[in-house]
Amino acid sequence: MNLYISASNRKHNSYNLLNKLRNENDIFLSLADLDIKYCIGCNTCQKNAGN
């Protein structure tokens, strides 16, 4: 079993290549499939870092 990770937020070259390389027992994770929001600079992470 192998783990393939596509860290690009687009489904293009690396996504297609890794998807073709994997077998049915392999795990394929893609950031393009996740709903990740970009930082908006609200500094909430800084405020919560001390907790």
PDB file of N, CA and C in Angstrom:
ATOM      1  N   MET A   1       0.844  -1.169   0.000  1.00  0.00           N
ATOM      2  CA  MET A   1       0.000   0.000   0.000  1.00  0.00           C
ATOM      3  C   MET A   1       0.895   1.240   0.000  1.00  0.00           C
ATOM      4  N   ASN A   2       0.579   2.182  -0.842  1.00  0.00           N
ATOM      5  CA  ASN A   2       1.311   3.441  -0.936  1.00  0.00           C
ATOM      6  C   ASN A   2       0.361   4.600  -0.657  1.00  0.00           C
ATOM      7  N   LEU A   3       0.936   5.707  -0.250  1.00  0.00           N
ATOM      8  CA  LEU A   3       0.176   6.928  -0.021  1.00  0.00           C
ATOM      9  C   LEU A   3       0.644   7.964  -1.025  1.00  0.00           C
ATOM     10  N   TYR A   4      -0.286   8.466  -1.830  1.00  0.00           N
ATOM     11  CA  TYR A   4       0.003   9.509  -2.803  1.00  0.00           C
ATOM     12  C   TYR A   4      -0.715  10.770  -2.363  1.00  0.00           C
ATOM     13  N   ILE A   5       0.030  11.896  -2.331  1.00  0.00           N
ATOM     14  CA  ILE A   5      -0.552  13.166  -1.917  1.00  0.00           C
ATOM     15  C   ILE A   5      -0.309  14.192  -3.005  1.00  0.00           C
ATOM     16  N   SER A   6      -1.392  14.774  -3.492  1.00  0.00           N
ATOM     17  CA  SER A   6      -1.302  15.873  -4.442  1.00  0.00           C
ATOM     18  C   SER A   6      -1.592  17.149  -3.666  1.00  0.00           C
ATOM     19  N   ALA A   7      -0.560  17.985  -3.477  1.00  0.00           N
ATOM     20  CA  ALA A   7      -0.699  19.185  -2.662  1.00  0.00           C
ATOM     21  C   ALA A   7      -1.164  20.393  -3.451  1.00  0.00           C
ATOM     22  N   SER A   8      -1.377  20.239  -4.731  1.00  0.00           N
ATOM     23  CA  SER A   8      -1.837  21.354  -5.551  1.00  0.00           C
ATOM     24  C   SER A   8      -3.339  21.566  -5.332  1.00  0.00           C
ATOM     25  N   ASN A   9      -3.774  22.801  -5.445  1.00  0.00           N
ATOM     26  CA  ASN A   9      -5.205  23.076  -5.309  1.00  0.00           C
ATOM     27  C   ASN A   9      -5.921  22.980  -6.658  1.00  0.00           C
ATOM     28  N   ARG A  10      -5.202  22.505  -7.680  1.00  0.00           N
ATOM     29  CA  ARG A  10      -5.793  22.319  -9.004  1.00  0.00           C
ATOM     30  C   ARG A  10      -5.683  20.850  -9.412  1.00  0.00           C
ATOM     31  N   LYS A  11      -6.563  20.421 -10.259  1.00  0.00           N
ATOM     32  CA  LYS A  11      -6.539  19.042 -10.756  1.00  0.00           C
ATOM     33  C   LYS A  11      -5.983  19.037 -12.179  1.00  0.00           C
ATOM     34  N   HIS A  12      -4.642  19.105 -12.275  1.00  0.00           N
ATOM     35  CA  HIS A  12      -3.994  19.108 -13.583  1.00  0.00           C
ATOM     36  C   HIS A  12      -2.927  18.033 -13.636  1.00  0.00           C
ATOM     37  N   ASN A  13      -1.722  18.379 -14.018  1.00  0.00           N
ATOM     38  CA  ASN A  13      -0.660  17.409 -14.321  1.00  0.00           C
ATOM     39  C   ASN A  13      -0.327  16.466 -13.177  1.00  0.00           C
ATOM     40  N   SER A  14       0.065  16.980 -12.020  1.00  0.00           N
ATOM     41  CA  SER A  14       0.474  16.096 -10.929  1.00  0.00           C
ATOM     42  C   SER A  14      -0.705  15.270 -10.420  1.00  0.00           C
ATOM     43  N   TYR A  15      -1.882  15.858 -10.379  1.00  0.00           N
ATOM     44  CA  TYR A  15      -3.091  15.139  -9.957  1.00  0.00           C
ATOM     45  C   TYR A  15      -3.343  13.953 -10.893  1.00  0.00           C
ATOM     46  N   ASN A  16      -3.304  14.210 -12.181  1.00  0.00           N
ATOM     47  CA  ASN A  16      -3.563  13.147 -13.157  1.00  0.00           C
ATOM     48  C   ASN A  16      -2.489  12.071 -13.117  1.00  0.00           C
ATOM     49  N   LEU A  17      -1.229  12.470 -12.967  1.00  0.00           N
ATOM     50  CA  LEU A  17      -0.139  11.507 -12.917  1.00  0.00           C
ATOM     51  C   LEU A  17      -0.255  10.591 -11.699  1.00  0.00           C
ATOM     52  N   LEU A  18      -0.463  11.170 -10.533  1.00  0.00           N
ATOM     53  CA  LEU A  18      -0.580  10.362  -9.316  1.00  0.00           C
ATOM     54  C   LEU A  18      -1.818   9.468  -9.357  1.00  0.00           C
ATOM     55  N   ASN A  19      -2.884   9.963  -9.924  1.00  0.00           N
ATOM     56  CA  ASN A  19      -4.107   9.178 -10.029  1.00  0.00           C
ATOM     57  C   ASN A  19      -3.908   7.970 -10.949  1.00  0.00           C
ATOM     58  N   LYS A  20      -3.098   8.116 -11.984  1.00  0.00           N
ATOM     59  CA  LYS A  20      -2.814   7.006 -12.894  1.00  0.00           C
ATOM     60  C   LYS A  20      -1.851   5.994 -12.273  1.00  0.00           C
ATOM     61  N   LEU A  21      -0.943   6.457 -11.413  1.00  0.00           N
ATOM     62  CA  LEU A  21       0.060   5.577 -10.804  1.00  0.00           C
ATOM     63  C   LEU A  21      -0.504   4.664  -9.722  1.00  0.00           C
ATOM     64  N   ARG A  22      -1.547   5.076  -9.077  1.00  0.00           N
ATOM     65  CA  ARG A  22      -2.019   4.348  -7.901  1.00  0.00           C
ATOM     66  C   ARG A  22      -2.758   3.054  -8.276  1.00  0.00           C
ATOM     67  N   ASN A  23      -2.701   2.116  -7.349  1.00  0.00           N
ATOM     68  CA  ASN A  23      -3.445   0.861  -7.462  1.00  0.00           C
ATOM     69  C   ASN A  23      -4.702   0.981  -6.615  1.00  0.00           C
ATOM     70  N   GLU A  24      -5.542  -0.022  -6.650  1.00  0.00           N
ATOM     71  CA  GLU A  24      -6.789   0.050  -5.885  1.00  0.00           C
ATOM     72  C   GLU A  24      -6.550  -0.025  -4.379  1.00  0.00           C
ATOM     73  N   ASN A  25      -5.400  -0.557  -3.940  1.00  0.00           N
ATOM     74  CA  ASN A  25      -5.088  -0.638  -2.513  1.00  0.00           C
ATOM     75  C   ASN A  25      -4.383   0.606  -1.990  1.00  0.00           C
ATOM     76  N   ASP A  26      -3.979   1.499  -2.876  1.00  0.00           N
ATOM     77  CA  ASP A  26      -3.253   2.703  -2.488  1.00  0.00           C
ATOM     78  C   ASP A  26      -4.220   3.789  -2.026  1.00  0.00           C
ATOM     79  N   ILE A  27      -3.671   4.725  -1.254  1.00  0.00           N
ATOM     80  CA  ILE A  27      -4.449   5.856  -0.756  1.00  0.00           C
ATOM     81  C   ILE A  27      -4.020   7.093  -1.528  1.00  0.00           C
ATOM     82  N   PHE A  28      -4.976   7.833  -2.044  1.00  0.00           N
ATOM     83  CA  PHE A  28      -4.701   9.046  -2.814  1.00  0.00           C
ATOM     84  C   PHE A  28      -5.419  10.213  -2.148  1.00  0.00           C
ATOM     85  N   LEU A  29      -4.635  11.179  -1.662  1.00  0.00           N
ATOM     86  CA  LEU A  29      -5.192  12.376  -1.042  1.00  0.00           C
ATOM     87  C   LEU A  29      -4.887  13.571  -1.930  1.00  0.00           C
ATOM     88  N   SER A  30      -5.894  14.399  -2.139  1.00  0.00           N
ATOM     89  CA  SER A  30      -5.708  15.586  -2.952  1.00  0.00           C
ATOM     90  C   SER A  30      -6.285  16.791  -2.228  1.00  0.00           C
ATOM     91  N   LEU A  31      -5.498  17.848  -2.126  1.00  0.00           N
ATOM     92  CA  LEU A  31      -5.991  19.069  -1.508  1.00  0.00           C
ATOM     93  C   LEU A  31      -7.064  19.727  -2.361  1.00  0.00           C
ATOM     94  N   ALA A  32      -7.092  19.431  -3.650  1.00  0.00           N
ATOM     95  CA  ALA A  32      -8.109  19.993  -4.533  1.00  0.00           C
ATOM     96  C   ALA A  32      -9.504  19.476  -4.174  1.00  0.00           C
ATOM     97  N   ASP A  33      -9.576  18.315  -3.526  1.00  0.00           N
ATOM     98  CA  ASP A  33     -10.862  17.744  -3.141  1.00  0.00           C
ATOM     99  C   ASP A  33     -11.378  18.292  -1.814  1.00  0.00           C
ATOM    100  N   LEU A  34     -10.533  19.038  -1.098  1.00  0.00           N
ATOM    101  CA  LEU A  34     -10.913  19.560   0.210  1.00  0.00           C
ATOM    102  C   LEU A  34     -11.346  21.018   0.107  1.00  0.00           C
ATOM    103  N   ASP A  35     -12.184  21.445   1.027  1.00  0.00           N
ATOM    104  CA  ASP A  35     -12.666  22.824   1.054  1.00  0.00           C
ATOM    105  C   ASP A  35     -11.795  23.620   2.022  1.00  0.00           C
ATOM    106  N   ILE A  36     -10.619  24.032   1.544  1.00  0.00           N
ATOM    107  CA  ILE A  36      -9.668  24.755   2.370  1.00  0.00           C
ATOM    108  C   ILE A  36      -9.788  26.239   2.042  1.00  0.00           C
ATOM    109  N   LYS A  37     -10.004  27.015   3.058  1.00  0.00           N
ATOM    110  CA  LYS A  37     -10.131  28.465   2.877  1.00  0.00           C
ATOM    111  C   LYS A  37      -8.766  29.121   3.034  1.00  0.00           C
ATOM    112  N   TYR A  38      -8.538  30.153   2.278  1.00  0.00           N
ATOM    113  CA  TYR A  38      -7.294  30.908   2.362  1.00  0.00           C
ATOM    114  C   TYR A  38      -7.326  31.823   3.576  1.00  0.00           C
ATOM    115  N   CYS A  39      -6.154  32.180   4.062  1.00  0.00           N
ATOM    116  CA  CYS A  39      -6.024  33.078   5.207  1.00  0.00           C
ATOM    117  C   CYS A  39      -6.572  34.457   4.834  1.00  0.00           C
ATOM    118  N   ILE A  40      -7.391  35.005   5.714  1.00  0.00           N
ATOM    119  CA  ILE A  40      -7.941  36.343   5.484  1.00  0.00           C
ATOM    120  C   ILE A  40      -7.303  37.373   6.408  1.00  0.00           C
ATOM    121  N   GLY A  41      -6.314  36.958   7.180  1.00  0.00           N
ATOM    122  CA  GLY A  41      -5.570  37.873   8.037  1.00  0.00           C
ATOM    123  C   GLY A  41      -6.346  38.379   9.239  1.00  0.00           C
ATOM    124  N   CYS A  42      -7.199  37.545   9.815  1.00  0.00           N
ATOM    125  CA  CYS A  42      -8.015  37.976  10.952  1.00  0.00           C
ATOM    126  C   CYS A  42      -7.275  37.853  12.285  1.00  0.00           C
ATOM    127  N   ASN A  43      -6.113  37.193  12.299  1.00  0.00           N
ATOM    128  CA  ASN A  43      -5.265  37.006  13.482  1.00  0.00           C
ATOM    129  C   ASN A  43      -5.908  36.179  14.594  1.00  0.00           C
ATOM    130  N   THR A  44      -6.948  35.435  14.314  1.00  0.00           N
ATOM    131  CA  THR A  44      -7.561  34.566  15.309  1.00  0.00           C
ATOM    132  C   THR A  44      -6.588  33.474  15.746  1.00  0.00           C
ATOM    133  N   CYS A  45      -5.793  32.970  14.826  1.00  0.00           N
ATOM    134  CA  CYS A  45      -4.814  31.939  15.174  1.00  0.00           C
ATOM    135  C   CYS A  45      -3.769  32.490  16.142  1.00  0.00           C
ATOM    136  N   GLN A  46      -3.394  33.731  15.989  1.00  0.00           N
ATOM    137  CA  GLN A  46      -2.445  34.362  16.903  1.00  0.00           C
ATOM    138  C   GLN A  46      -3.038  34.530  18.295  1.00  0.00           C
ATOM    139  N   LYS A  47      -4.309  34.900  18.359  1.00  0.00           N
ATOM    140  CA  LYS A  47      -4.992  35.113  19.647  1.00  0.00           C
ATOM    141  C   LYS A  47      -5.168  33.798  20.392  1.00  0.00           C
ATOM    142  N   ASN A  48      -5.421  32.701  19.648  1.00  0.00           N
ATOM    143  CA  ASN A  48      -5.670  31.405  20.269  1.00  0.00           C
ATOM    144  C   ASN A  48      -4.388  30.612  20.524  1.00  0.00           C
ATOM    145  N   ALA A  49      -3.246  31.099  20.070  1.00  0.00           N
ATOM    146  CA  ALA A  49      -1.980  30.365  20.199  1.00  0.00           C
ATOM    147  C   ALA A  49      -1.567  30.226  21.665  1.00  0.00           C
ATOM    148  N   GLY A  50      -1.929  31.156  22.521  1.00  0.00           N
ATOM    149  CA  GLY A  50      -1.546  31.107  23.929  1.00  0.00           C
ATOM    150  C   GLY A  50      -2.427  30.217  24.766  1.00  0.00           C
ATOM    151  N   ASN A  51      -3.525  29.729  24.242  1.00  0.00           N
ATOM    152  CA  ASN A  51      -4.473  28.895  25.014  1.00  0.00           C
ATOM    153  C   ASN A  51      -4.051  27.468  25.080  1.00  0.00           C
TER     154      ASN A  51
END
